[in-house]
Amino acid sequence: MNRFRELIQYGRQRDALEWAMKTGIWGHALMLSYKLDPTQESGYMIIISLLNIERFFVRFITFF
């Protein structure tokens, strides 16, 4: 979370968005994507959803 704040403070919002998606802080990623460009929000939501589904299946498969 500190890394996310640092990136935002130094004006590196796109890097912060990528970091948020990589580390799974989805709420932060969604809010930041909307702040960056409201017209692109749906594209980011699709990416975030796909990443979230992929991580769910990886956890599900490793559980069994």
C-alpha atoms as a PDB file:
ATOM      1  CA  MET A   1       0.000   0.000   0.000  1.00  0.00           C
ATOM      2  CA  ASN A   2       2.886   2.367   0.693  1.00  0.00           C
ATOM      3  CA  ARG A   3       4.186   1.820  -2.835  1.00  0.00           C
ATOM      4  CA  PHE A   4       0.779   2.774  -4.231  1.00  0.00           C
ATOM      5  CA  ARG A   5       0.819   6.029  -2.233  1.00  0.00           C
ATOM      6  CA  GLU A   6       4.367   6.821  -3.329  1.00  0.00           C
ATOM      7  CA  LEU A   7       3.514   6.408  -6.983  1.00  0.00           C
ATOM      8  CA  ILE A   8       0.459   8.660  -6.613  1.00  0.00           C
ATOM      9  CA  GLN A   9       2.439  11.317  -4.730  1.00  0.00           C
ATOM     10  CA  TYR A  10       5.114  11.432  -7.436  1.00  0.00           C
ATOM     11  CA  GLY A  11       2.497  11.831 -10.155  1.00  0.00           C
ATOM     12  CA  ARG A  12       2.876   8.335 -11.589  1.00  0.00           C
ATOM     13  CA  GLN A  13      -0.810   7.446 -11.676  1.00  0.00           C
ATOM     14  CA  ARG A  14      -0.558   4.945 -14.542  1.00  0.00           C
ATOM     15  CA  ASP A  15       2.225   3.081 -12.729  1.00  0.00           C
ATOM     16  CA  ALA A  16       0.118   3.142  -9.564  1.00  0.00           C
ATOM     17  CA  LEU A  17      -2.811   1.689 -11.495  1.00  0.00           C
ATOM     18  CA  GLU A  18      -0.693  -1.131 -12.893  1.00  0.00           C
ATOM     19  CA  TRP A  19       0.752  -1.827  -9.450  1.00  0.00           C
ATOM     20  CA  ALA A  20      -2.728  -1.906  -7.902  1.00  0.00           C
ATOM     21  CA  MET A  21      -3.932  -4.401 -10.510  1.00  0.00           C
ATOM     22  CA  LYS A  22      -0.825  -6.554 -10.086  1.00  0.00           C
ATOM     23  CA  THR A  23      -1.121  -6.702  -6.315  1.00  0.00           C
ATOM     24  CA  GLY A  24      -4.881  -7.179  -6.246  1.00  0.00           C
ATOM     25  CA  ILE A  25      -6.074  -4.008  -4.562  1.00  0.00           C
ATOM     26  CA  TRP A  26      -9.063  -3.843  -6.878  1.00  0.00           C
ATOM     27  CA  GLY A  27     -10.957  -1.032  -5.195  1.00  0.00           C
ATOM     28  CA  HIS A  28      -7.989   1.296  -5.517  1.00  0.00           C
ATOM     29  CA  ALA A  29      -7.451   0.226  -9.119  1.00  0.00           C
ATOM     30  CA  LEU A  30     -11.062   0.929 -10.047  1.00  0.00           C
ATOM     31  CA  MET A  31     -11.148   4.333  -8.380  1.00  0.00           C
ATOM     32  CA  LEU A  32      -7.846   5.393  -9.909  1.00  0.00           C
ATOM     33  CA  SER A  33      -8.851   4.200 -13.375  1.00  0.00           C
ATOM     34  CA  TYR A  34     -12.015   6.280 -13.155  1.00  0.00           C
ATOM     35  CA  LYS A  35     -10.054   9.345 -12.006  1.00  0.00           C
ATOM     36  CA  LEU A  36      -7.563   8.957 -14.864  1.00  0.00           C
ATOM     37  CA  ASP A  37     -10.152   8.717 -17.615  1.00  0.00           C
ATOM     38  CA  PRO A  38     -13.851   8.096 -16.977  1.00  0.00           C
ATOM     39  CA  THR A  39     -14.352   7.032 -20.615  1.00  0.00           C
ATOM     40  CA  GLN A  40     -11.785   4.239 -20.243  1.00  0.00           C
ATOM     41  CA  GLU A  41     -13.245   2.868 -17.019  1.00  0.00           C
ATOM     42  CA  SER A  42     -15.073   0.021 -18.755  1.00  0.00           C
ATOM     43  CA  GLY A  43     -11.838  -1.177 -20.360  1.00  0.00           C
ATOM     44  CA  TYR A  44     -10.053  -1.227 -17.033  1.00  0.00           C
ATOM     45  CA  MET A  45     -12.997  -2.959 -15.392  1.00  0.00           C
ATOM     46  CA  ILE A  46     -12.779  -5.746 -17.975  1.00  0.00           C
ATOM     47  CA  ILE A  47      -9.045  -6.173 -17.346  1.00  0.00           C
ATOM     48  CA  ILE A  48      -9.524  -6.126 -13.590  1.00  0.00           C
ATOM     49  CA  SER A  49     -12.370  -8.626 -13.806  1.00  0.00           C
ATOM     50  CA  LEU A  50     -10.326 -10.990 -15.960  1.00  0.00           C
ATOM     51  CA  LEU A  51      -7.357 -10.793 -13.605  1.00  0.00           C
ATOM     52  CA  ASN A  52      -9.616 -11.384 -10.637  1.00  0.00           C
ATOM     53  CA  ILE A  53     -11.216 -14.438 -12.287  1.00  0.00           C
ATOM     54  CA  GLU A  54      -7.788 -15.832 -13.188  1.00  0.00           C
ATOM     55  CA  ARG A  55      -6.550 -15.475  -9.612  1.00  0.00           C
ATOM     56  CA  PHE A  56      -9.720 -17.108  -8.296  1.00  0.00           C
ATOM     57  CA  PHE A  57      -9.204 -20.156 -10.496  1.00  0.00           C
ATOM     58  CA  VAL A  58      -5.530 -20.431  -9.578  1.00  0.00           C
ATOM     59  CA  ARG A  59      -6.471 -20.434  -5.883  1.00  0.00           C
ATOM     60  CA  PHE A  60      -9.331 -22.850  -6.507  1.00  0.00           C
ATOM     61  CA  ILE A  61      -7.166 -25.323  -8.403  1.00  0.00           C
ATOM     62  CA  THR A  62      -4.332 -25.216  -5.872  1.00  0.00           C
ATOM     63  CA  PHE A  63      -6.845 -25.762  -3.065  1.00  0.00           C
ATOM     64  CA  PHE A  64      -7.807 -29.165  -4.441  1.00  0.00           C
END
